[in-house]
């Protein structure tokens, strides 16, 4: 069975969906994305893009950690559901 999209496309779309979901829930991520979109940060070289990605990743990790601590039971349920989904898709 051939997949319609390569794996890297699926990975990029998954990360984008995760960031969009976090932006919808948390103002820190939303503000960081808005700053990147508005160009309020210095623009220029590729290093700036890497710095923006690093800042966004750090904010995302912080928000995920905070959300996980405040919703521990839901996090366990989501992890179990993800494991079951992966197992179902493999067979």
N, C-alpha and C. Protein backbone atom coordinates (compact mmCIF):
# COMPACT_ATOMS: atom_id res chain seq x y z
N UNK A 1 0.84 -1.18 0.00
CA UNK A 1 0.00 0.00 0.00
C UNK A 1 0.89 1.24 0.00
N UNK A 2 0.68 2.07 -0.95
CA UNK A 2 1.50 3.28 -1.07
C UNK A 2 0.80 4.44 -0.36
N UNK A 3 1.61 5.19 0.37
CA UNK A 3 1.06 6.34 1.10
C UNK A 3 0.93 7.54 0.17
N UNK A 4 -0.12 8.32 0.37
CA UNK A 4 -0.32 9.47 -0.53
C UNK A 4 0.70 10.59 -0.31
N UNK A 5 1.24 10.72 0.92
CA UNK A 5 2.21 11.77 1.22
C UNK A 5 3.46 11.15 1.81
N UNK A 6 4.59 11.77 1.58
CA UNK A 6 5.81 11.28 2.24
C UNK A 6 5.74 11.52 3.75
N UNK A 7 6.58 10.82 4.48
CA UNK A 7 6.57 10.92 5.95
C UNK A 7 6.90 12.31 6.44
N UNK A 8 7.78 13.01 5.74
CA UNK A 8 8.17 14.34 6.22
C UNK A 8 7.01 15.32 6.14
N UNK A 9 6.12 15.14 5.17
CA UNK A 9 4.95 16.03 5.06
C UNK A 9 4.02 15.79 6.26
N UNK A 10 3.82 14.53 6.59
CA UNK A 10 2.98 14.20 7.74
C UNK A 10 3.58 14.74 9.03
N UNK A 11 4.89 14.67 9.16
CA UNK A 11 5.56 15.18 10.35
C UNK A 11 5.38 16.69 10.47
N UNK A 12 5.59 17.40 9.38
CA UNK A 12 5.46 18.86 9.40
C UNK A 12 4.01 19.26 9.71
N UNK A 13 3.05 18.57 9.13
CA UNK A 13 1.65 18.89 9.41
C UNK A 13 1.29 18.59 10.86
N UNK A 14 1.85 17.54 11.43
CA UNK A 14 1.58 17.21 12.83
C UNK A 14 2.13 18.27 13.77
N UNK A 15 3.35 18.73 13.49
CA UNK A 15 3.95 19.78 14.32
C UNK A 15 3.16 21.08 14.18
N UNK A 16 2.73 21.38 12.97
CA UNK A 16 1.94 22.60 12.74
C UNK A 16 0.60 22.52 13.48
N UNK A 17 -0.02 21.34 13.47
CA UNK A 17 -1.28 21.18 14.20
C UNK A 17 -1.07 21.31 15.70
N UNK A 18 0.03 20.78 16.21
CA UNK A 18 0.34 20.91 17.63
C UNK A 18 0.54 22.37 18.02
N UNK A 19 1.31 23.10 17.23
CA UNK A 19 1.56 24.51 17.53
C UNK A 19 0.27 25.33 17.40
N UNK A 20 -0.55 25.02 16.40
CA UNK A 20 -1.82 25.73 16.26
C UNK A 20 -2.74 25.46 17.45
N UNK A 21 -2.77 24.23 17.92
CA UNK A 21 -3.58 23.89 19.08
C UNK A 21 -3.09 24.59 20.33
N UNK A 22 -1.77 24.63 20.50
CA UNK A 22 -1.22 25.33 21.66
C UNK A 22 -1.48 26.83 21.57
N UNK A 23 -1.41 27.38 20.37
CA UNK A 23 -1.67 28.81 20.21
C UNK A 23 -3.13 29.13 20.54
N UNK A 24 -4.01 28.21 20.25
CA UNK A 24 -5.42 28.43 20.56
C UNK A 24 -5.67 28.39 22.07
N UNK A 25 -4.83 27.64 22.80
CA UNK A 25 -5.06 27.47 24.23
C UNK A 25 -4.24 28.40 25.12
N UNK A 26 -3.07 28.81 24.65
CA UNK A 26 -2.17 29.53 25.55
C UNK A 26 -1.74 30.86 24.95
N UNK A 27 -1.85 31.94 25.72
CA UNK A 27 -1.48 33.25 25.19
C UNK A 27 0.02 33.43 24.95
N UNK A 28 0.88 32.69 25.67
CA UNK A 28 2.32 32.81 25.43
C UNK A 28 2.68 32.37 24.02
N UNK A 29 2.14 31.24 23.61
CA UNK A 29 2.42 30.74 22.26
C UNK A 29 1.78 31.66 21.23
N UNK A 30 0.57 32.11 21.51
CA UNK A 30 -0.13 33.00 20.59
C UNK A 30 0.64 34.30 20.39
N UNK A 31 1.17 34.86 21.47
CA UNK A 31 1.95 36.10 21.37
C UNK A 31 3.24 35.88 20.59
N UNK A 32 3.88 34.74 20.82
CA UNK A 32 5.12 34.44 20.10
C UNK A 32 4.86 34.28 18.60
N UNK A 33 3.80 33.59 18.25
CA UNK A 33 3.46 33.43 16.84
C UNK A 33 3.06 34.76 16.21
N UNK A 34 2.35 35.57 16.96
CA UNK A 34 1.96 36.89 16.44
C UNK A 34 3.19 37.76 16.21
N UNK A 35 4.16 37.69 17.11
CA UNK A 35 5.39 38.47 16.94
C UNK A 35 6.16 38.01 15.71
N UNK A 36 6.20 36.71 15.50
CA UNK A 36 6.89 36.19 14.31
C UNK A 36 6.16 36.61 13.04
N UNK A 37 4.83 36.51 13.06
CA UNK A 37 4.05 36.85 11.87
C UNK A 37 4.10 38.35 11.56
N UNK A 38 4.13 39.19 12.60
CA UNK A 38 4.15 40.63 12.39
C UNK A 38 5.54 41.16 12.05
N UNK A 39 6.54 40.33 12.25
CA UNK A 39 7.91 40.77 11.96
C UNK A 39 8.44 41.74 12.99
N UNK A 40 7.96 41.65 14.21
CA UNK A 40 8.44 42.54 15.27
C UNK A 40 9.85 42.19 15.71
N UNK A 41 10.24 40.96 15.49
CA UNK A 41 11.59 40.54 15.82
C UNK A 41 12.52 40.97 14.69
N UNK A 42 13.80 41.07 14.96
CA UNK A 42 14.72 41.42 13.88
C UNK A 42 14.72 40.37 12.78
N UNK A 43 14.72 40.82 11.55
CA UNK A 43 14.73 39.90 10.43
C UNK A 43 16.06 39.98 9.72
N UNK A 44 16.33 39.04 8.85
CA UNK A 44 17.58 39.07 8.12
C UNK A 44 18.09 37.71 7.79
N UNK A 45 19.14 37.30 8.44
CA UNK A 45 19.85 36.08 8.08
C UNK A 45 19.10 34.84 8.54
N UNK A 46 19.62 33.71 8.11
CA UNK A 46 19.03 32.44 8.47
C UNK A 46 19.17 32.17 9.96
N UNK A 47 20.18 32.73 10.58
CA UNK A 47 20.37 32.57 12.03
C UNK A 47 19.20 33.15 12.79
N UNK A 48 18.61 34.21 12.27
CA UNK A 48 17.45 34.81 12.92
C UNK A 48 16.27 33.85 12.88
N UNK A 49 16.11 33.16 11.76
CA UNK A 49 15.02 32.19 11.66
C UNK A 49 15.26 31.06 12.66
N UNK A 50 16.50 30.62 12.77
CA UNK A 50 16.82 29.59 13.76
C UNK A 50 16.56 30.05 15.17
N UNK A 51 16.87 31.31 15.44
CA UNK A 51 16.62 31.86 16.78
C UNK A 51 15.12 31.93 17.04
N UNK A 52 14.34 32.33 16.06
CA UNK A 52 12.89 32.37 16.22
C UNK A 52 12.34 30.97 16.48
N UNK A 53 12.83 29.99 15.72
CA UNK A 53 12.37 28.62 15.91
C UNK A 53 12.73 28.12 17.30
N UNK A 54 13.92 28.48 17.76
CA UNK A 54 14.35 28.07 19.09
C UNK A 54 13.47 28.71 20.16
N UNK A 55 13.18 30.00 20.03
CA UNK A 55 12.32 30.68 20.99
C UNK A 55 10.93 30.05 21.01
N UNK A 56 10.38 29.78 19.83
CA UNK A 56 9.06 29.18 19.74
C UNK A 56 9.07 27.78 20.35
N UNK A 57 10.14 27.02 20.09
CA UNK A 57 10.23 25.67 20.66
C UNK A 57 10.32 25.73 22.18
N UNK A 58 11.08 26.67 22.72
CA UNK A 58 11.19 26.79 24.18
C UNK A 58 9.86 27.17 24.81
N UNK A 59 9.16 28.11 24.20
CA UNK A 59 7.85 28.50 24.71
C UNK A 59 6.88 27.33 24.62
N UNK A 60 6.94 26.59 23.50
CA UNK A 60 6.06 25.44 23.32
C UNK A 60 6.33 24.37 24.38
N UNK A 61 7.59 24.10 24.64
CA UNK A 61 7.95 23.10 25.65
C UNK A 61 7.46 23.55 27.02
N UNK A 62 7.62 24.83 27.33
CA UNK A 62 7.17 25.35 28.62
C UNK A 62 5.66 25.21 28.76
N UNK A 63 4.93 25.54 27.71
CA UNK A 63 3.47 25.46 27.77
C UNK A 63 3.01 24.01 27.89
N UNK A 64 3.65 23.11 27.14
CA UNK A 64 3.29 21.70 27.23
C UNK A 64 3.54 21.18 28.65
N UNK A 65 4.66 21.56 29.23
CA UNK A 65 4.97 21.13 30.60
C UNK A 65 3.92 21.68 31.57
N UNK A 66 3.56 22.95 31.44
CA UNK A 66 2.56 23.53 32.34
C UNK A 66 1.19 22.86 32.17
N UNK A 67 0.79 22.64 30.91
CA UNK A 67 -0.51 22.01 30.65
C UNK A 67 -0.51 20.57 31.15
N UNK A 68 0.62 19.88 31.01
CA UNK A 68 0.69 18.50 31.46
C UNK A 68 0.55 18.42 32.97
N UNK A 69 1.19 19.33 33.68
CA UNK A 69 1.11 19.31 35.15
C UNK A 69 -0.30 19.63 35.64
N UNK A 70 -0.97 20.53 34.97
CA UNK A 70 -2.30 20.91 35.44
C UNK A 70 -3.39 19.96 34.97
N UNK A 71 -3.10 19.14 33.97
CA UNK A 71 -4.09 18.19 33.44
C UNK A 71 -3.47 16.79 33.35
N UNK A 72 -2.97 16.28 34.45
CA UNK A 72 -2.24 15.02 34.46
C UNK A 72 -3.11 13.85 33.99
N UNK A 73 -4.33 13.77 34.45
CA UNK A 73 -5.19 12.65 34.08
C UNK A 73 -5.51 12.67 32.59
N UNK A 74 -5.79 13.83 32.06
CA UNK A 74 -6.06 13.95 30.63
C UNK A 74 -4.81 13.61 29.82
N UNK A 75 -3.64 13.99 30.30
CA UNK A 75 -2.39 13.69 29.60
C UNK A 75 -2.17 12.18 29.53
N UNK A 76 -2.42 11.47 30.62
CA UNK A 76 -2.27 10.01 30.62
C UNK A 76 -3.24 9.39 29.63
N UNK A 77 -4.46 9.87 29.59
CA UNK A 77 -5.45 9.36 28.64
C UNK A 77 -5.01 9.60 27.20
N UNK A 78 -4.51 10.78 26.91
CA UNK A 78 -4.07 11.11 25.55
C UNK A 78 -2.87 10.25 25.14
N UNK A 79 -1.93 10.05 26.05
CA UNK A 79 -0.78 9.19 25.74
C UNK A 79 -1.22 7.76 25.48
N UNK A 80 -2.13 7.25 26.28
CA UNK A 80 -2.64 5.90 26.06
C UNK A 80 -3.37 5.81 24.72
N UNK A 81 -4.15 6.82 24.39
CA UNK A 81 -4.85 6.84 23.11
C UNK A 81 -3.87 6.89 21.95
N UNK A 82 -2.80 7.66 22.10
CA UNK A 82 -1.80 7.75 21.03
C UNK A 82 -1.10 6.41 20.83
N UNK A 83 -0.78 5.73 21.92
CA UNK A 83 -0.14 4.41 21.81
C UNK A 83 -1.07 3.43 21.12
N UNK A 84 -2.34 3.43 21.50
CA UNK A 84 -3.31 2.53 20.85
C UNK A 84 -3.48 2.86 19.38
N UNK A 85 -3.49 4.14 19.03
CA UNK A 85 -3.61 4.55 17.64
C UNK A 85 -2.43 4.06 16.82
N UNK A 86 -1.23 4.23 17.36
CA UNK A 86 -0.04 3.76 16.66
C UNK A 86 -0.09 2.25 16.46
N UNK A 87 -0.50 1.52 17.50
CA UNK A 87 -0.59 0.07 17.37
C UNK A 87 -1.64 -0.34 16.34
N UNK A 88 -2.75 0.38 16.29
CA UNK A 88 -3.79 0.04 15.31
C UNK A 88 -3.34 0.35 13.89
N UNK A 89 -2.61 1.44 13.70
CA UNK A 89 -2.17 1.81 12.36
C UNK A 89 -1.08 0.89 11.85
N UNK A 90 -0.34 0.27 12.73
CA UNK A 90 0.75 -0.62 12.32
C UNK A 90 0.22 -1.95 11.78
N UNK A 91 -0.98 -2.33 12.21
CA UNK A 91 -1.50 -3.63 11.78
C UNK A 91 -2.44 -3.49 10.61
